[in-house]
């Protein structure tokens, strides 16, 4: 379950995101994006391996304020944050780059716990 659905389907504001503590992953994309759909299984597997990373799925679109605040231009776009600061931002990453993003944000994997 994404954090978005946990907060009554409302998209968080940039201010709320900047105040989040710990590791957070924002995923910007759309349901119809082929790149997003292709990476979805990798994201799901990594989310299982890194359960401490809060996950927020943002249905993005042209001109939407949250995506613009992160300068999202390509989908999927992954913003890895820790304590309100961007650690790494990736557009259309490989599965290897995604794993590196999870590791960079400091979300311990189940294998290391």
PDB file of N, CA and C in Angstrom:
ATOM      1  N   UNK A   1       0.844  -1.183   0.000  1.00  0.00           N
ATOM      2  CA  UNK A   1       0.000   0.000   0.000  1.00  0.00           C
ATOM      3  C   UNK A   1       0.883   1.238   0.000  1.00  0.00           C
ATOM      4  N   UNK A   2       0.499   2.203  -0.782  1.00  0.00           N
ATOM      5  CA  UNK A   2       1.267   3.440  -0.816  1.00  0.00           C
ATOM      6  C   UNK A   2       0.797   4.374   0.289  1.00  0.00           C
ATOM      7  N   UNK A   3       1.652   5.319   0.636  1.00  0.00           N
ATOM      8  CA  UNK A   3       1.286   6.302   1.654  1.00  0.00           C
ATOM      9  C   UNK A   3       0.102   7.127   1.162  1.00  0.00           C
ATOM     10  N   UNK A   4       0.016   7.346  -0.142  1.00  0.00           N
ATOM     11  CA  UNK A   4      -1.073   8.124  -0.710  1.00  0.00           C
ATOM     12  C   UNK A   4      -2.418   7.521  -0.318  1.00  0.00           C
ATOM     13  N   UNK A   5      -2.558   6.208  -0.476  1.00  0.00           N
ATOM     14  CA  UNK A   5      -3.822   5.581  -0.124  1.00  0.00           C
ATOM     15  C   UNK A   5      -4.034   5.574   1.386  1.00  0.00           C
ATOM     16  N   UNK A   6      -2.959   5.593   2.141  1.00  0.00           N
ATOM     17  CA  UNK A   6      -3.069   5.595   3.595  1.00  0.00           C
ATOM     18  C   UNK A   6      -3.567   6.938   4.126  1.00  0.00           C
ATOM     19  N   UNK A   7      -3.460   7.994   3.331  1.00  0.00           N
ATOM     20  CA  UNK A   7      -3.942   9.301   3.779  1.00  0.00           C
ATOM     21  C   UNK A   7      -5.169   9.709   2.960  1.00  0.00           C
ATOM     22  N   UNK A   8      -6.102   8.758   2.847  1.00  0.00           N
ATOM     23  CA  UNK A   8      -7.397   8.991   2.208  1.00  0.00           C
ATOM     24  C   UNK A   8      -7.295   9.390   0.742  1.00  0.00           C
ATOM     25  N   UNK A   9      -6.308   8.883   0.045  1.00  0.00           N
ATOM     26  CA  UNK A   9      -6.195   9.144  -1.379  1.00  0.00           C
ATOM     27  C   UNK A   9      -5.724  10.540  -1.726  1.00  0.00           C
ATOM     28  N   UNK A  10      -5.483  11.384  -0.742  1.00  0.00           N
ATOM     29  CA  UNK A  10      -5.053  12.756  -1.015  1.00  0.00           C
ATOM     30  C   UNK A  10      -3.561  12.793  -1.272  1.00  0.00           C
ATOM     31  N   UNK A  11      -3.190  13.536  -2.293  1.00  0.00           N
ATOM     32  CA  UNK A  11      -1.772  13.710  -2.592  1.00  0.00           C
ATOM     33  C   UNK A  11      -1.153  14.625  -1.542  1.00  0.00           C
ATOM     34  N   UNK A  12      -0.021  14.232  -0.973  1.00  0.00           N
ATOM     35  CA  UNK A  12       0.620  15.104   0.021  1.00  0.00           C
ATOM     36  C   UNK A  12       1.148  16.377  -0.639  1.00  0.00           C
ATOM     37  N   UNK A  13       1.309  17.398   0.156  1.00  0.00           N
ATOM     38  CA  UNK A  13       1.880  18.637  -0.354  1.00  0.00           C
ATOM     39  C   UNK A  13       3.402  18.566  -0.273  1.00  0.00           C
ATOM     40  N   UNK A  14       4.073  19.465  -0.961  1.00  0.00           N
ATOM     41  CA  UNK A  14       5.542  19.504  -0.894  1.00  0.00           C
ATOM     42  C   UNK A  14       5.986  19.781   0.542  1.00  0.00           C
ATOM     43  N   UNK A  15       5.274  20.630   1.232  1.00  0.00           N
ATOM     44  CA  UNK A  15       5.615  20.948   2.616  1.00  0.00           C
ATOM     45  C   UNK A  15       5.526  19.701   3.498  1.00  0.00           C
ATOM     46  N   UNK A  16       4.481  18.904   3.320  1.00  0.00           N
ATOM     47  CA  UNK A  16       4.336  17.676   4.097  1.00  0.00           C
ATOM     48  C   UNK A  16       5.473  16.699   3.793  1.00  0.00           C
ATOM     49  N   UNK A  17       5.829  16.588   2.531  1.00  0.00           N
ATOM     50  CA  UNK A  17       6.917  15.689   2.142  1.00  0.00           C
ATOM     51  C   UNK A  17       8.241  16.160   2.736  1.00  0.00           C
ATOM     52  N   UNK A  18       8.493  17.448   2.664  1.00  0.00           N
ATOM     53  CA  UNK A  18       9.749  17.989   3.198  1.00  0.00           C
ATOM     54  C   UNK A  18       9.877  17.806   4.705  1.00  0.00           C
ATOM     55  N   UNK A  19       8.770  17.575   5.391  1.00  0.00           N
ATOM     56  CA  UNK A  19       8.793  17.381   6.838  1.00  0.00           C
ATOM     57  C   UNK A  19       8.863  15.911   7.247  1.00  0.00           C
ATOM     58  N   UNK A  20       8.785  15.003   6.280  1.00  0.00           N
ATOM     59  CA  UNK A  20       8.815  13.574   6.611  1.00  0.00           C
ATOM     60  C   UNK A  20      10.196  13.163   7.092  1.00  0.00           C
ATOM     61  N   UNK A  21      10.194  12.342   8.116  1.00  0.00           N
ATOM     62  CA  UNK A  21      11.443  11.838   8.686  1.00  0.00           C
ATOM     63  C   UNK A  21      11.719  10.444   8.151  1.00  0.00           C
ATOM     64  N   UNK A  22      13.003  10.106   8.082  1.00  0.00           N
ATOM     65  CA  UNK A  22      13.402   8.787   7.628  1.00  0.00           C
ATOM     66  C   UNK A  22      13.434   8.695   6.117  1.00  0.00           C
ATOM     67  N   UNK A  23      13.636   7.468   5.603  1.00  0.00           N
ATOM     68  CA  UNK A  23      13.729   7.280   4.163  1.00  0.00           C
ATOM     69  C   UNK A  23      12.352   7.294   3.498  1.00  0.00           C
ATOM     70  N   UNK A  24      12.252   8.033   2.407  1.00  0.00           N
ATOM     71  CA  UNK A  24      11.001   8.178   1.662  1.00  0.00           C
ATOM     72  C   UNK A  24      11.310   8.032   0.173  1.00  0.00           C
ATOM     73  N   UNK A  25      10.432   7.350  -0.536  1.00  0.00           N
ATOM     74  CA  UNK A  25      10.528   7.260  -1.985  1.00  0.00           C
ATOM     75  C   UNK A  25       9.253   7.812  -2.599  1.00  0.00           C
ATOM     76  N   UNK A  26       9.404   8.822  -3.440  1.00  0.00           N
ATOM     77  CA  UNK A  26       8.294   9.341  -4.232  1.00  0.00           C
ATOM     78  C   UNK A  26       8.435   8.757  -5.632  1.00  0.00           C
ATOM     79  N   UNK A  27       7.370   8.181  -6.142  1.00  0.00           N
ATOM     80  CA  UNK A  27       7.374   7.697  -7.525  1.00  0.00           C
ATOM     81  C   UNK A  27       6.343   8.485  -8.307  1.00  0.00           C
ATOM     82  N   UNK A  28       6.805   9.238  -9.299  1.00  0.00           N
ATOM     83  CA  UNK A  28       5.922   9.996 -10.174  1.00  0.00           C
ATOM     84  C   UNK A  28       5.736   9.218 -11.469  1.00  0.00           C
ATOM     85  N   UNK A  29       4.490   9.080 -11.896  1.00  0.00           N
ATOM     86  CA  UNK A  29       4.213   8.380 -13.140  1.00  0.00           C
ATOM     87  C   UNK A  29       2.717   8.362 -13.408  1.00  0.00           C
ATOM     88  N   UNK A  30       2.311   7.502 -14.341  1.00  0.00           N
ATOM     89  CA  UNK A  30       0.902   7.338 -14.678  1.00  0.00           C
ATOM     90  C   UNK A  30       0.616   5.862 -14.908  1.00  0.00           C
ATOM     91  N   UNK A  31      -0.657   5.510 -14.865  1.00  0.00           N
ATOM     92  CA  UNK A  31      -1.057   4.126 -15.103  1.00  0.00           C
ATOM     93  C   UNK A  31      -0.796   3.679 -16.532  1.00  0.00           C
ATOM     94  N   UNK A  32      -0.854   4.602 -17.480  1.00  0.00           N
ATOM     95  CA  UNK A  32      -0.716   4.244 -18.890  1.00  0.00           C
ATOM     96  C   UNK A  32       0.725   4.320 -19.406  1.00  0.00           C
ATOM     97  N   UNK A  33       1.655   4.756 -18.590  1.00  0.00           N
ATOM     98  CA  UNK A  33       3.060   4.900 -18.999  1.00  0.00           C
ATOM     99  C   UNK A  33       3.713   3.526 -19.133  1.00  0.00           C
ATOM    100  N   UNK A  34       4.189   3.201 -20.315  1.00  0.00           N
ATOM    101  CA  UNK A  34       4.838   1.920 -20.561  1.00  0.00           C
ATOM    102  C   UNK A  34       6.093   1.720 -19.729  1.00  0.00           C
ATOM    103  N   UNK A  35       6.886   2.766 -19.587  1.00  0.00           N
ATOM    104  CA  UNK A  35       8.101   2.681 -18.762  1.00  0.00           C
ATOM    105  C   UNK A  35       7.739   2.396 -17.303  1.00  0.00           C
ATOM    106  N   UNK A  36       6.686   3.070 -16.824  1.00  0.00           N
ATOM    107  CA  UNK A  36       6.241   2.876 -15.434  1.00  0.00           C
ATOM    108  C   UNK A  36       5.797   1.434 -15.223  1.00  0.00           C
ATOM    109  N   UNK A  37       5.014   0.925 -16.157  1.00  0.00           N
ATOM    110  CA  UNK A  37       4.505  -0.441 -16.035  1.00  0.00           C
ATOM    111  C   UNK A  37       5.631  -1.457 -16.119  1.00  0.00           C
ATOM    112  N   UNK A  38       6.633  -1.192 -16.943  1.00  0.00           N
ATOM    113  CA  UNK A  38       7.755  -2.123 -17.070  1.00  0.00           C
ATOM    114  C   UNK A  38       8.580  -2.198 -15.781  1.00  0.00           C
ATOM    115  N   UNK A  39       8.728  -1.079 -15.083  1.00  0.00           N
ATOM    116  CA  UNK A  39       9.522  -1.049 -13.847  1.00  0.00           C
ATOM    117  C   UNK A  39       8.728  -1.468 -12.608  1.00  0.00           C
ATOM    118  N   UNK A  40       7.415  -1.514 -12.707  1.00  0.00           N
ATOM    119  CA  UNK A  40       6.562  -1.795 -11.545  1.00  0.00           C
ATOM    120  C   UNK A  40       6.951  -3.072 -10.792  1.00  0.00           C
ATOM    121  N   UNK A  41       7.234  -4.196 -11.470  1.00  0.00           N
ATOM    122  CA  UNK A  41       7.621  -5.391 -10.713  1.00  0.00           C
ATOM    123  C   UNK A  41       8.925  -5.208  -9.933  1.00  0.00           C
ATOM    124  N   UNK A  42       9.866  -4.475 -10.503  1.00  0.00           N
ATOM    125  CA  UNK A  42      11.141  -4.221  -9.813  1.00  0.00           C
ATOM    126  C   UNK A  42      10.913  -3.345  -8.586  1.00  0.00           C
ATOM    127  N   UNK A  43      10.070  -2.335  -8.732  1.00  0.00           N
ATOM    128  CA  UNK A  43       9.759  -1.449  -7.602  1.00  0.00           C
ATOM    129  C   UNK A  43       9.079  -2.254  -6.498  1.00  0.00           C
ATOM    130  N   UNK A  44       8.127  -3.103  -6.875  1.00  0.00           N
ATOM    131  CA  UNK A  44       7.414  -3.912  -5.879  1.00  0.00           C
ATOM    132  C   UNK A  44       8.373  -4.827  -5.115  1.00  0.00           C
ATOM    133  N   UNK A  45       9.290  -5.444  -5.825  1.00  0.00           N
ATOM    134  CA  UNK A  45      10.258  -6.340  -5.172  1.00  0.00           C
ATOM    135  C   UNK A  45      11.175  -5.557  -4.236  1.00  0.00           C
ATOM    136  N   UNK A  46      11.651  -4.415  -4.680  1.00  0.00           N
ATOM    137  CA  UNK A  46      12.540  -3.601  -3.840  1.00  0.00           C
ATOM    138  C   UNK A  46      11.807  -3.054  -2.617  1.00  0.00           C
ATOM    139  N   UNK A  47      10.538  -2.738  -2.775  1.00  0.00           N
ATOM    140  CA  UNK A  47       9.761  -2.269  -1.622  1.00  0.00           C
ATOM    141  C   UNK A  47       9.654  -3.350  -0.563  1.00  0.00           C
ATOM    142  N   UNK A  48       9.556  -4.606  -0.993  1.00  0.00           N
ATOM    143  CA  UNK A  48       9.529  -5.725  -0.042  1.00  0.00           C
ATOM    144  C   UNK A  48      10.879  -5.875   0.654  1.00  0.00           C
ATOM    145  N   UNK A  49      11.958  -5.667  -0.101  1.00  0.00           N
ATOM    146  CA  UNK A  49      13.301  -5.824   0.453  1.00  0.00           C
ATOM    147  C   UNK A  49      13.706  -4.662   1.352  1.00  0.00           C
ATOM    148  N   UNK A  50      13.095  -3.508   1.153  1.00  0.00           N
ATOM    149  CA  UNK A  50      13.431  -2.304   1.920  1.00  0.00           C
ATOM    150  C   UNK A  50      12.162  -1.758   2.586  1.00  0.00           C
ATOM    151  N   UNK A  51      11.612  -2.484   3.555  1.00  0.00           N
ATOM    152  CA  UNK A  51      10.321  -2.095   4.140  1.00  0.00           C
ATOM    153  C   UNK A  51      10.354  -0.803   4.958  1.00  0.00           C
ATOM    154  N   UNK A  52      11.530  -0.323   5.320  1.00  0.00           N
ATOM    155  CA  UNK A  52      11.609   0.914   6.107  1.00  0.00           C
ATOM    156  C   UNK A  52      11.435   2.172   5.262  1.00  0.00           C
ATOM    157  N   UNK A  53      11.487   2.025   3.938  1.00  0.00           N
ATOM    158  CA  UNK A  53      11.334   3.176   3.046  1.00  0.00           C
ATOM    159  C   UNK A  53       9.847   3.450   2.844  1.00  0.00           C
ATOM    160  N   UNK A  54       9.406   4.628   3.276  1.00  0.00           N
ATOM    161  CA  UNK A  54       8.017   5.037   3.047  1.00  0.00           C
ATOM    162  C   UNK A  54       7.840   5.269   1.550  1.00  0.00           C
ATOM    163  N   UNK A  55       6.768   4.754   0.993  1.00  0.00           N
ATOM    164  CA  UNK A  55       6.532   4.823  -0.450  1.00  0.00           C
ATOM    165  C   UNK A  55       5.309   5.683  -0.747  1.00  0.00           C
ATOM    166  N   UNK A  56       5.484   6.648  -1.638  1.00  0.00           N
ATOM    167  CA  UNK A  56       4.377   7.512  -2.053  1.00  0.00           C
ATOM    168  C   UNK A  56       4.318   7.478  -3.570  1.00  0.00           C
ATOM    169  N   UNK A  57       3.209   6.977  -4.096  1.00  0.00           N
ATOM    170  CA  UNK A  57       3.004   6.913  -5.539  1.00  0.00           C
ATOM    171  C   UNK A  57       2.182   8.126  -5.947  1.00  0.00           C
ATOM    172  N   UNK A  58       2.728   8.933  -6.837  1.00  0.00           N
ATOM    173  CA  UNK A  58       2.061  10.159  -7.275  1.00  0.00           C
ATOM    174  C   UNK A  58       1.640  10.010  -8.728  1.00  0.00           C
ATOM    175  N   UNK A  59       0.333  10.064  -8.975  1.00  0.00           N
ATOM    176  CA  UNK A  59      -0.195  10.076 -10.342  1.00  0.00           C
ATOM    177  C   UNK A  59       0.081  11.476 -10.872  1.00  0.00           C
ATOM    178  N   UNK A  60       1.033  11.570 -11.777  1.00  0.00           N
ATOM    179  CA  UNK A  60       1.516  12.870 -12.239  1.00  0.00           C
ATOM    180  C   UNK A  60       0.880  13.245 -13.570  1.00  0.00           C
ATOM    181  N   UNK A  61       0.997  14.476 -13.916  1.00  0.00           N
ATOM    182  CA  UNK A  61       0.494  14.983 -15.181  1.00  0.00           C
ATOM    183  C   UNK A  61       1.064  16.360 -15.440  1.00  0.00           C
ATOM    184  N   UNK A  62       0.924  16.806 -16.663  1.00  0.00           N
ATOM    185  CA  UNK A  62       1.481  18.093 -17.069  1.00  0.00           C
ATOM    186  C   UNK A  62       0.959  19.223 -16.174  1.00  0.00           C
ATOM    187  N   UNK A  63       1.897  19.974 -15.605  1.00  0.00           N
ATOM    188  CA  UNK A  63       1.555  21.150 -14.818  1.00  0.00           C
ATOM    189  C   UNK A  63       1.118  20.893 -13.389  1.00  0.00           C
ATOM    190  N   UNK A  64       1.111  19.648 -12.940  1.00  0.00           N
ATOM    191  CA  UNK A  64       0.714  19.402 -11.555  1.00  0.00           C
ATOM    192  C   UNK A  64       1.812  19.899 -10.612  1.00  0.00           C
ATOM    193  N   UNK A  65       1.408  20.574  -9.540  1.00  0.00           N
ATOM    194  CA  UNK A  65       2.380  21.283  -8.708  1.00  0.00           C
ATOM    195  C   UNK A  65       3.436  20.420  -8.028  1.00  0.00           C
ATOM    196  N   UNK A  66       3.072  19.242  -7.532  1.00  0.00           N
ATOM    197  CA  UNK A  66       4.057  18.450  -6.806  1.00  0.00           C
ATOM    198  C   UNK A  66       5.164  17.976  -7.745  1.00  0.00           C
ATOM    199  N   UNK A  67       4.802  17.451  -8.899  1.00  0.00           N
ATOM    200  CA  UNK A  67       5.810  17.028  -9.881  1.00  0.00           C
ATOM    201  C   UNK A  67       6.677  18.183 -10.341  1.00  0.00           C
ATOM    202  N   UNK A  68       6.061  19.323 -10.551  1.00  0.00           N
ATOM    203  CA  UNK A  68       6.830  20.499 -10.981  1.00  0.00           C
ATOM    204  C   UNK A  68       7.820  20.930  -9.902  1.00  0.00           C
ATOM    205  N   UNK A  69       7.427  20.784  -8.632  1.00  0.00           N
ATOM    206  CA  UNK A  69       8.323  21.205  -7.556  1.00  0.00           C
ATOM    207  C   UNK A  69       9.584  20.340  -7.506  1.00  0.00           C
ATOM    208  N   UNK A  70       9.508  19.122  -8.071  1.00  0.00           N
ATOM    209  CA  UNK A  70      10.671  18.235  -8.152  1.00  0.00           C
ATOM    210  C   UNK A  70      11.267  18.210  -9.565  1.00  0.00           C
ATOM    211  N   UNK A  71      10.795  19.090 -10.427  1.00  0.00           N
ATOM    212  CA  UNK A  71      11.271  19.208 -11.814  1.00  0.00           C
ATOM    213  C   UNK A  71      11.168  17.889 -12.579  1.00  0.00           C
ATOM    214  N   UNK A  72      10.051  17.185 -12.368  1.00  0.00           N
ATOM    215  CA  UNK A  72       9.799  15.923 -13.063  1.00  0.00           C
ATOM    216  C   UNK A  72       9.478  16.225 -14.518  1.00  0.00           C
ATOM    217  N   UNK A  73      10.238  15.576 -15.418  1.00  0.00           N
ATOM    218  CA  UNK A  73      10.016  15.749 -16.849  1.00  0.00           C
ATOM    219  C   UNK A  73       9.785  14.417 -17.569  1.00  0.00           C
ATOM    220  N   UNK A  74      10.303  13.336 -17.009  1.00  0.00           N
ATOM    221  CA  UNK A  74      10.127  12.007 -17.588  1.00  0.00           C
ATOM    222  C   UNK A  74       9.559  11.077 -16.530  1.00  0.00           C
ATOM    223  N   UNK A  75       8.749  10.117 -16.965  1.00  0.00           N
ATOM    224  CA  UNK A  75       8.200   9.097 -16.074  1.00  0.00           C
ATOM    225  C   UNK A  75       8.806   7.754 -16.419  1.00  0.00           C
ATOM    226  N   UNK A  76       8.905   6.877 -15.480  1.00  0.00           N
ATOM    227  CA  UNK A  76       8.732   7.155 -14.066  1.00  0.00           C
ATOM    228  C   UNK A  76       9.906   7.953 -13.534  1.00  0.00           C
ATOM    229  N   UNK A  77       9.629   8.708 -12.513  1.00  0.00           N
ATOM    230  CA  UNK A  77      10.647   9.521 -11.877  1.00  0.00           C
ATOM    231  C   UNK A  77      10.619   9.185 -10.393  1.00  0.00           C
ATOM    232  N   UNK A  78      11.770   8.821  -9.868  1.00  0.00           N
ATOM    233  CA  UNK A  78      11.886   8.380  -8.484  1.00  0.00           C
ATOM    234  C   UNK A  78      12.718   9.381  -7.694  1.00  0.00           C
ATOM    235  N   UNK A  79      12.145   9.876  -6.615  1.00  0.00           N
ATOM    236  CA  UNK A  79      12.845  10.820  -5.747  1.00  0.00           C
ATOM    237  C   UNK A  79      13.068  10.124  -4.408  1.00  0.00           C
ATOM    238  N   UNK A  80      14.316   9.834  -4.109  1.00  0.00           N
ATOM    239  CA  UNK A  80      14.690   9.202  -2.844  1.00  0.00           C
ATOM    240  C   UNK A  80      15.074  10.307  -1.869  1.00  0.00           C
ATOM    241  N   UNK A  81      14.402  10.337  -0.719  1.00  0.00           N
ATOM    242  CA  UNK A  81      14.636  11.387   0.266  1.00  0.00           C
ATOM    243  C   UNK A  81      14.921  10.779   1.630  1.00  0.00           C
ATOM    244  N   UNK A  82      15.628  11.540   2.436  1.00  0.00           N
ATOM    245  CA  UNK A  82      15.834  11.173   3.836  1.00  0.00           C
ATOM    246  C   UNK A  82      15.703  12.454   4.645  1.00  0.00           C
ATOM    247  N   UNK A  83      14.807  12.397   5.627  1.00  0.00           N
ATOM    248  CA  UNK A  83      14.576  13.536   6.531  1.00  0.00           C
ATOM    249  C   UNK A  83      14.328  14.832   5.769  1.00  0.00           C
ATOM    250  N   UNK A  84      13.526  14.747   4.711  1.00  0.00           N
ATOM    251  CA  UNK A  84      13.131  15.937   3.961  1.00  0.00           C
ATOM    252  C   UNK A  84      14.122  16.440   2.938  1.00  0.00           C
ATOM    253  N   UNK A  85      15.220  15.730   2.737  1.00  0.00           N
ATOM    254  CA  UNK A  85      16.241  16.153   1.777  1.00  0.00           C
ATOM    255  C   UNK A  85      16.376  15.126   0.655  1.00  0.00           C
ATOM    256  N   UNK A  86      16.515  15.605  -0.562  1.00  0.00           N
ATOM    257  CA  UNK A  86      16.689  14.710  -1.698  1.00  0.00           C
ATOM    258  C   UNK A  86      18.081  14.089  -1.641  1.00  0.00           C
ATOM    259  N   UNK A  87      18.115  12.770  -1.677  1.00  0.00           N
ATOM    260  CA  UNK A  87      19.370  12.025  -1.688  1.00  0.00           C
ATOM    261  C   UNK A  87      19.731  11.668  -3.130  1.00  0.00           C
ATOM    262  N   UNK A  88      18.715  11.262  -3.897  1.00  0.00           N
ATOM    263  CA  UNK A  88      18.940  10.874  -5.287  1.00  0.00           C
ATOM    264  C   UNK A  88      17.620  10.987  -6.035  1.00  0.00           C
ATOM    265  N   UNK A  89      17.698  11.415  -7.307  1.00  0.00           N
ATOM    266  CA  UNK A  89      16.517  11.484  -8.153  1.00  0.00           C
ATOM    267  C   UNK A  89      16.852  10.811  -9.476  1.00  0.00           C
ATOM    268  N   UNK A  90      15.972   9.892  -9.902  1.00  0.00           N
ATOM    269  CA  UNK A  90      16.234   9.089 -11.088  1.00  0.00           C
ATOM    270  C   UNK A  90      15.040   9.127 -12.036  1.00  0.00           C
ATOM    271  N   UNK A  91      15.306   9.333 -13.309  1.00  0.00           N
ATOM    272  CA  UNK A  91      14.272   9.267 -14.336  1.00  0.00           C
ATOM    273  C   UNK A  91      14.536   8.051 -15.218  1.00  0.00           C
ATOM    274  N   UNK A  92      13.523   7.207 -15.366  1.00  0.00           N
ATOM    275  CA  UNK A  92      13.610   5.986 -16.167  1.00  0.00           C
ATOM    276  C   UNK A  92      14.864   5.171 -15.850  1.00  0.00           C
ATOM    277  N   UNK A  93      15.050   4.834 -14.585  1.00  0.00           N
ATOM    278  CA  UNK A  93      16.270   4.133 -14.186  1.00  0.00           C
ATOM    279  C   UNK A  93      16.236   2.649 -14.550  1.00  0.00           C
ATOM    280  N   UNK A  94      17.404   2.052 -14.542  1.00  0.00           N
ATOM    281  CA  UNK A  94      17.506   0.603 -14.665  1.00  0.00           C
ATOM    282  C   UNK A  94      17.146   0.000 -13.303  1.00  0.00           C
ATOM    283  N   UNK A  95      16.914  -1.306 -13.269  1.00  0.00           N
ATOM    284  CA  UNK A  95      16.620  -1.944 -11.982  1.00  0.00           C
ATOM    285  C   UNK A  95      17.821  -1.833 -11.039  1.00  0.00           C
ATOM    286  N   UNK A  96      19.034  -1.846 -11.592  1.00  0.00           N
ATOM    287  CA  UNK A  96      20.244  -1.688 -10.775  1.00  0.00           C
ATOM    288  C   UNK A  96      20.282  -0.285 -10.144  1.00  0.00           C
ATOM    289  N   UNK A  97      19.964   0.738 -10.938  1.00  0.00           N
ATOM    290  CA  UNK A  97      19.949   2.109 -10.411  1.00  0.00           C
ATOM    291  C   UNK A  97      18.883   2.266  -9.324  1.00  0.00           C
ATOM    292  N   UNK A  98      17.736   1.594  -9.505  1.00  0.00           N
ATOM    293  CA  UNK A  98      16.690   1.644  -8.476  1.00  0.00           C
ATOM    294  C   UNK A  98      17.201   1.078  -7.159  1.00  0.00           C
ATOM    295  N   UNK A  99      17.839  -0.074  -7.226  1.00  0.00           N
ATOM    296  CA  UNK A  99      18.397  -0.685  -6.014  1.00  0.00           C
ATOM    297  C   UNK A  99      19.391   0.272  -5.358  1.00  0.00           C
ATOM    298  N   UNK A 100      20.250   0.866  -6.149  1.00  0.00           N
ATOM    299  CA  UNK A 100      21.230   1.819  -5.612  1.00  0.00           C
ATOM    300  C   UNK A 100      20.544   2.998  -4.937  1.00  0.00           C
ATOM    301  N   UNK A 101      19.397   3.417  -5.477  1.00  0.00           N
ATOM    302  CA  UNK A 101      18.630   4.495  -4.852  1.00  0.00           C
ATOM    303  C   UNK A 101      18.122   4.101  -3.478  1.00  0.00           C
ATOM    304  N   UNK A 102      17.568   2.893  -3.384  1.00  0.00           N
ATOM    305  CA  UNK A 102      17.106   2.401  -2.081  1.00  0.00           C
ATOM    306  C   UNK A 102      18.265   2.334  -1.096  1.00  0.00           C
ATOM    307  N   UNK A 103      19.392   1.834  -1.558  1.00  0.00           N
ATOM    308  CA  UNK A 103      20.564   1.724  -0.683  1.00  0.00           C
ATOM    309  C   UNK A 103      21.070   3.103  -0.270  1.00  0.00           C
ATOM    310  N   UNK A 104      21.046   4.060  -1.194  1.00  0.00           N
ATOM    311  CA  UNK A 104      21.548   5.404  -0.905  1.00  0.00           C
ATOM    312  C   UNK A 104      20.700   6.135   0.130  1.00  0.00           C
ATOM    313  N   UNK A 105      19.408   5.866   0.119  1.00  0.00           N
ATOM    314  CA  UNK A 105      18.530   6.559   1.057  1.00  0.00           C
ATOM    315  C   UNK A 105      18.634   5.957   2.467  1.00  0.00           C
ATOM    316  N   UNK A 106      19.305   4.826   2.558  1.00  0.00           N
ATOM    317  CA  UNK A 106      19.560   4.267   3.873  1.00  0.00           C
ATOM    318  C   UNK A 106      18.464   3.394   4.410  1.00  0.00           C
ATOM    319  N   UNK A 107      17.578   2.943   3.551  1.00  0.00           N
ATOM    320  CA  UNK A 107      16.538   2.015   3.993  1.00  0.00           C
ATOM    321  C   UNK A 107      17.132   0.623   4.055  1.00  0.00           C
ATOM    322  N   UNK A 108      17.390   0.121   5.242  1.00  0.00           N
ATOM    323  CA  UNK A 108      18.014  -1.193   5.394  1.00  0.00           C
ATOM    324  C   UNK A 108      17.161  -2.261   4.746  1.00  0.00           C
ATOM    325  N   UNK A 109      17.802  -3.148   4.010  1.00  0.00           N
ATOM    326  CA  UNK A 109      17.069  -4.251   3.392  1.00  0.00           C
ATOM    327  C   UNK A 109      16.793  -5.315   4.429  1.00  0.00           C
ATOM    328  N   UNK A 110      15.779  -6.173   4.142  1.00  0.00           N
ATOM    329  CA  UNK A 110      15.456  -7.261   5.061  1.00  0.00           C
ATOM    330  C   UNK A 110      16.653  -8.196   5.227  1.00  0.00           C
ATOM    331  N   UNK A 111      17.462  -8.327   4.183  1.00  0.00           N
ATOM    332  CA  UNK A 111      18.618  -9.209   4.251  1.00  0.00           C
ATOM    333  C   UNK A 111      19.630  -8.730   5.284  1.00  0.00           C
ATOM    334  N   UNK A 112      19.670  -7.405   5.530  1.00  0.00           N
ATOM    335  CA  UNK A 112      20.661  -6.870   6.459  1.00  0.00           C
ATOM    336  C   UNK A 112      20.102  -6.661   7.861  1.00  0.00           C
ATOM    337  N   UNK A 113      18.803  -6.987   8.051  1.00  0.00           N
ATOM    338  CA  UNK A 113      18.210  -6.800   9.381  1.00  0.00           C
ATOM    339  C   UNK A 113      18.194  -8.073  10.161  1.00  0.00           C
TER     340      UNK A 113
END
